[in-house]
Every structure is written in structure tokens, then in C-alpha cells.
């Protein structure tokens, strides 16, 4: 049941509440994949629904960079009037065996009302997975944090044509800085190089030259 506001109306949630067996499965998958402890200390209890055009991310499902080239739709059990922060990152840069640039920030949006991402503050625009050739499967992690208040995020905004400042980024430090606590929802998928990746690198290189 939703929370009652002072005027007697209930403060509802958008989306179904995920708990019980589903929550246990999410926690187990995040631990089995090594995302805990590579990225997080505590796994989310809820699965965020992540859909790229016609394909869905599914707690470790293998997708391709071509399938994930466009910004996904993400839904979770959001509370009306609540603000959230959404993150997507790659902890396996340049490879899972040699993650010396861990973590690479692909997408960051803050101050999202409920789960209306289009109304949030875009800090880093979406860049699709760009695993280098021969580096094997990379994990791509999507996390949702609940904010305690509207936040003023410092630092430059990053467009989808900019890779600067995205490597060696730490979501733990970011969450601590803005007092976000542990993620309330999450999902992840895996992907390795395909023919779409060079097109993204070409775009980034072209924009840097201008």
C-alpha cells in the first residue's frame, strides 16, 4: 500500500513492488556476477526493467553493442514525488581480466522525478557499450539510487560525443559524496565487440578533433 499524505491521499508507486523471491534473485545474480564486490558492497533488492528497443536486459543476459546502441527505457518501483539518480557503467575497462580503467561511466542522470528519466538532469549523456576488440565480455551495470533531496551536481556535463572524464569513475565515491546510500534497483547485461563499436569510436574521435 502507498503512503498516506497529510491530505489523506495515498502516495503511490509507479510499477510493481519487487521483493521476496524476485529480490533474492537480484541479490544472488549481482553476487554471482562479481558486481558485488567489484562495483558495490550491497546489491539492490529490486530488478530495474531495462529495454533497448526490442530487447530486454536480464540480469546477465548477453546482448550486442548493436542491440544496445540507443538509450534504453528504464523502469522501477518509483514513488510519486521522489527523486532518483540513474547510473550505467562498465567495470571491465579495458577488459575484465585487466580492469585498470574501472569504472567507465556510460550514462548518468540525476533528480529524476519518479521514473520519468526525460525530466531528470542529464549529467552524462548515454554512450552505448564500446568493448574493445578481443577484450571478451564486459558487464554493463544499471543502478537506481533514491535521493533524499534535490541535488546540485557539480562538474562539467558530458555529451554523447565526449569520452573525457568517463574513465576511472567510482560509483561508490559518487554515492557517498551525494549521500545516496545503496541502490534501490538495478540490472546488468554483458556484451562484447561487434561491428557497431568502431562507429562509436569514430564519432568520439571526430568530435574531439573539432
Protein backbone atom coordinates (compact mmCIF):
# COMPACT_ATOMS: atom_id res chain seq x y z
CA UNK A 1 0.00 0.00 0.00
CA UNK A 2 1.16 3.53 -0.73
CA UNK A 3 1.99 6.03 1.98
CA UNK A 4 -0.78 8.40 3.09
CA UNK A 5 -0.14 12.10 2.65
CA UNK A 6 -1.43 14.71 5.07
CA UNK A 7 -4.39 15.44 2.79
CA UNK A 8 -5.47 11.81 3.06
CA UNK A 9 -4.37 10.79 -0.42
CA UNK A 10 -2.04 7.90 -0.83
CA UNK A 11 1.46 8.43 -2.12
CA UNK A 12 1.59 5.71 -4.74
CA UNK A 13 4.36 3.95 -6.58
CA UNK A 14 4.80 3.59 -10.31
CA UNK A 15 5.46 -0.01 -11.26
CA UNK A 16 5.13 -3.18 -9.26
CA UNK A 17 6.91 -3.59 -5.98
CA UNK A 18 9.70 -6.16 -6.29
CA UNK A 19 10.57 -8.20 -3.23
CA UNK A 20 10.54 -11.74 -1.90
CA UNK A 21 11.89 -14.32 -4.35
CA UNK A 22 12.49 -11.70 -7.03
CA UNK A 23 14.59 -9.61 -4.67
CA UNK A 24 16.57 -12.65 -3.58
CA UNK A 25 17.26 -13.50 -7.23
CA UNK A 26 18.53 -9.98 -7.96
CA UNK A 27 20.87 -10.09 -4.98
CA UNK A 28 22.13 -13.54 -5.96
CA UNK A 29 22.80 -12.54 -9.57
CA UNK A 30 24.73 -9.42 -8.56
CA UNK A 31 26.91 -11.53 -6.29
CA UNK A 32 27.37 -14.41 -8.76
CA UNK A 33 28.46 -11.98 -11.48
CA UNK A 34 31.06 -10.37 -9.21
CA UNK A 35 29.41 -6.95 -9.40
CA UNK A 36 29.42 -7.34 -5.64
CA UNK A 37 32.19 -6.61 -4.66
CA UNK A 38 33.72 -5.20 -7.90
CA UNK A 39 31.23 -2.30 -8.07
CA UNK A 40 29.01 -2.44 -4.99
CA UNK A 41 29.18 -3.54 -1.37
CA UNK A 42 25.44 -4.21 -1.19
CA UNK A 43 23.29 -5.38 -4.14
CA UNK A 44 19.93 -3.78 -4.97
CA UNK A 45 16.84 -5.66 -3.84
CA UNK A 46 14.75 -4.82 -6.90
CA UNK A 47 15.26 -5.53 -10.58
CA UNK A 48 15.05 -2.44 -12.77
CA UNK A 49 13.30 -3.16 -16.06
CA UNK A 50 15.68 -2.19 -18.88
CA UNK A 51 14.57 -2.32 -22.52
CA UNK A 52 16.66 -1.43 -25.57
CA UNK A 53 14.26 -1.03 -28.49
CA UNK A 54 13.02 -4.64 -28.83
CA UNK A 55 15.39 -6.42 -26.43
CA UNK A 56 15.46 -6.53 -22.65
CA UNK A 57 18.40 -6.72 -20.28
CA UNK A 58 18.01 -9.68 -17.97
CA UNK A 59 20.42 -9.95 -15.04
CA UNK A 60 23.43 -11.10 -17.03
CA UNK A 61 21.84 -11.73 -20.42
CA UNK A 62 24.28 -11.35 -23.32
CA UNK A 63 23.37 -8.55 -25.72
CA UNK A 64 25.34 -6.88 -28.51
CA UNK A 65 26.56 -3.29 -28.89
CA UNK A 66 24.32 -3.05 -31.96
CA UNK A 67 21.26 -4.05 -29.92
CA UNK A 68 22.14 -1.54 -27.20
CA UNK A 69 23.20 1.40 -29.39
CA UNK A 70 20.17 3.51 -28.39
CA UNK A 71 19.39 4.81 -24.91
CA UNK A 72 17.19 2.28 -23.10
CA UNK A 73 13.91 2.73 -21.29
CA UNK A 74 14.34 2.02 -17.58
CA UNK A 75 11.52 1.47 -15.09
CA UNK A 76 11.49 0.67 -11.39
CA UNK A 77 9.06 0.91 -8.45
CA UNK A 78 9.26 4.68 -8.19
CA UNK A 79 7.39 6.66 -5.57
CA UNK A 80 5.43 9.72 -6.65
CA UNK A 81 7.20 12.89 -5.57
CA UNK A 82 10.50 11.07 -5.01
CA UNK A 83 13.74 11.93 -6.88
CA UNK A 84 16.21 9.34 -8.17
CA UNK A 85 19.64 9.06 -9.76
CA UNK A 86 20.32 6.60 -12.59
CA UNK A 87 23.76 5.25 -13.48
CA UNK A 88 25.12 2.92 -16.17
CA UNK A 89 28.75 1.85 -16.01
CA UNK A 90 31.28 -0.69 -17.28
CA UNK A 91 33.61 -2.09 -14.59
CA UNK A 92 35.60 -4.13 -17.13
CA UNK A 93 37.61 -1.48 -18.98
CA UNK A 94 39.67 -2.31 -20.95
CA UNK A 95 38.83 -5.93 -20.03
CA UNK A 96 37.54 -7.94 -17.10
CA UNK A 97 40.97 -9.57 -16.77
CA UNK A 98 42.70 -6.16 -16.71
CA UNK A 99 40.22 -3.55 -15.41
CA UNK A 100 42.77 -0.77 -14.94
CA UNK A 101 40.31 1.94 -16.07
CA UNK A 102 37.46 0.65 -13.87
CA UNK A 103 34.80 2.10 -13.93
CA UNK A 104 33.74 3.66 -17.26
CA UNK A 105 30.66 5.87 -16.95
CA UNK A 106 28.23 5.37 -19.84
CA UNK A 107 25.22 7.28 -18.53
CA UNK A 108 24.32 9.43 -15.52
CA UNK A 109 21.05 11.24 -14.82
CA UNK A 110 20.05 12.82 -11.51
CA UNK A 111 16.97 14.45 -9.99
CA UNK A 112 14.65 12.09 -11.87
CA UNK A 113 11.04 12.58 -10.72
CA UNK A 114 9.56 9.11 -10.11
CA UNK A 115 10.88 7.19 -13.14
CA UNK A 116 10.48 9.93 -15.73
CA UNK A 117 14.10 9.94 -16.93
CA UNK A 118 13.37 12.53 -19.62
CA UNK A 119 12.63 15.09 -16.87
CA UNK A 120 15.86 14.46 -14.95
CA UNK A 121 19.15 16.38 -15.02
CA UNK A 122 21.44 14.73 -17.56
CA UNK A 123 24.99 14.80 -16.24
CA UNK A 124 26.46 12.34 -18.75
CA UNK A 125 24.56 11.56 -21.93
CA UNK A 126 24.22 7.94 -22.97
CA UNK A 127 27.10 6.29 -24.82
CA UNK A 128 26.45 2.72 -25.93
CA UNK A 129 28.72 -0.19 -24.94
CA UNK A 130 32.14 0.06 -26.62
CA UNK A 131 34.12 -3.04 -25.59
CA UNK A 132 37.40 -3.20 -27.49
CA UNK A 133 38.02 -6.00 -29.97
CA UNK A 134 39.33 -9.16 -28.33
CA UNK A 135 38.58 -7.98 -24.78
CA UNK A 136 35.81 -10.53 -24.21
CA UNK A 137 32.53 -9.96 -22.45
CA UNK A 138 32.08 -6.78 -20.41
CA UNK A 139 29.48 -6.30 -17.67
CA UNK A 140 27.24 -3.25 -18.07
CA UNK A 141 25.57 -2.29 -14.80
CA UNK A 142 22.47 -0.10 -14.45
CA UNK A 143 21.76 1.23 -10.95
CA UNK A 144 19.00 3.38 -9.46
CA UNK A 145 19.54 5.40 -6.28
CA UNK A 146 16.89 7.16 -4.20
CA UNK A 147 17.76 10.75 -3.32
CA UNK A 148 16.89 12.41 -0.01
CA UNK A 149 16.58 15.82 -1.66
CA UNK A 150 17.11 17.68 -4.94
CA UNK A 151 20.83 17.70 -5.66
CA UNK A 152 23.15 20.20 -7.27
CA UNK A 153 25.62 18.01 -9.16
CA UNK A 154 28.97 19.67 -9.72
CA UNK A 155 31.42 19.04 -12.56
CA UNK A 156 31.00 19.51 -16.32
CA UNK A 157 28.12 17.98 -18.25
CA UNK A 158 29.17 15.33 -20.76
CA UNK A 159 27.58 14.88 -24.18
CA UNK A 160 27.33 11.60 -26.07
CA UNK A 161 30.27 12.82 -28.18
CA UNK A 162 32.58 13.17 -25.18
CA UNK A 163 34.60 10.38 -23.56
CA UNK A 164 36.67 12.74 -21.42
CA UNK A 165 36.29 12.18 -17.69
CA UNK A 166 34.29 8.97 -18.03
CA UNK A 167 37.07 6.51 -17.19
CA UNK A 168 38.31 5.74 -13.68
CA UNK A 169 34.95 6.84 -12.29
CA UNK A 170 33.78 5.31 -9.00
CA UNK A 171 30.09 4.93 -8.26
CA UNK A 172 30.83 4.16 -4.59
CA UNK A 173 32.55 7.54 -4.18
CA UNK A 174 29.79 9.30 -6.14
CA UNK A 175 27.06 7.76 -3.97
CA UNK A 176 28.94 8.66 -0.80
CA UNK A 177 29.51 12.25 -1.94
CA UNK A 178 25.82 12.84 -2.63
CA UNK A 179 24.57 10.69 0.29
CA UNK A 180 22.68 8.29 -1.96
CA UNK A 181 23.14 5.16 0.13
CA UNK A 182 22.79 1.76 -1.56
CA UNK A 183 20.98 1.37 -4.90
CA UNK A 184 17.28 0.56 -4.64
CA UNK A 185 17.08 -1.12 -8.05
CA UNK A 186 19.43 -2.45 -10.67
CA UNK A 187 20.08 -4.70 -13.63
CA UNK A 188 23.01 -5.70 -15.79
CA UNK A 189 23.88 -7.34 -19.10
CA UNK A 190 27.02 -8.47 -20.86
CA UNK A 191 28.33 -7.53 -24.30
CA UNK A 192 31.47 -7.93 -26.39
CA UNK A 193 32.79 -6.24 -29.51
CA UNK A 194 30.78 -6.19 -32.71
CA UNK A 195 30.82 -4.04 -35.87
CA UNK A 196 28.89 -1.20 -34.22
CA UNK A 197 31.73 -0.38 -31.80
CA UNK A 198 34.12 1.23 -34.36
CA UNK A 199 31.32 3.57 -35.44
CA UNK A 200 31.03 4.90 -31.88
CA UNK A 201 34.81 5.32 -31.59
CA UNK A 202 34.86 7.14 -34.94
CA UNK A 203 32.20 9.54 -33.69
CA UNK A 204 34.10 10.24 -30.48
CA UNK A 205 37.39 10.77 -32.36
CA UNK A 206 35.74 13.05 -34.93
CA UNK A 207 34.18 15.23 -32.25
CA UNK A 208 37.48 15.52 -30.37
CA UNK A 209 39.22 16.86 -33.49
CA UNK A 210 36.75 19.69 -33.98
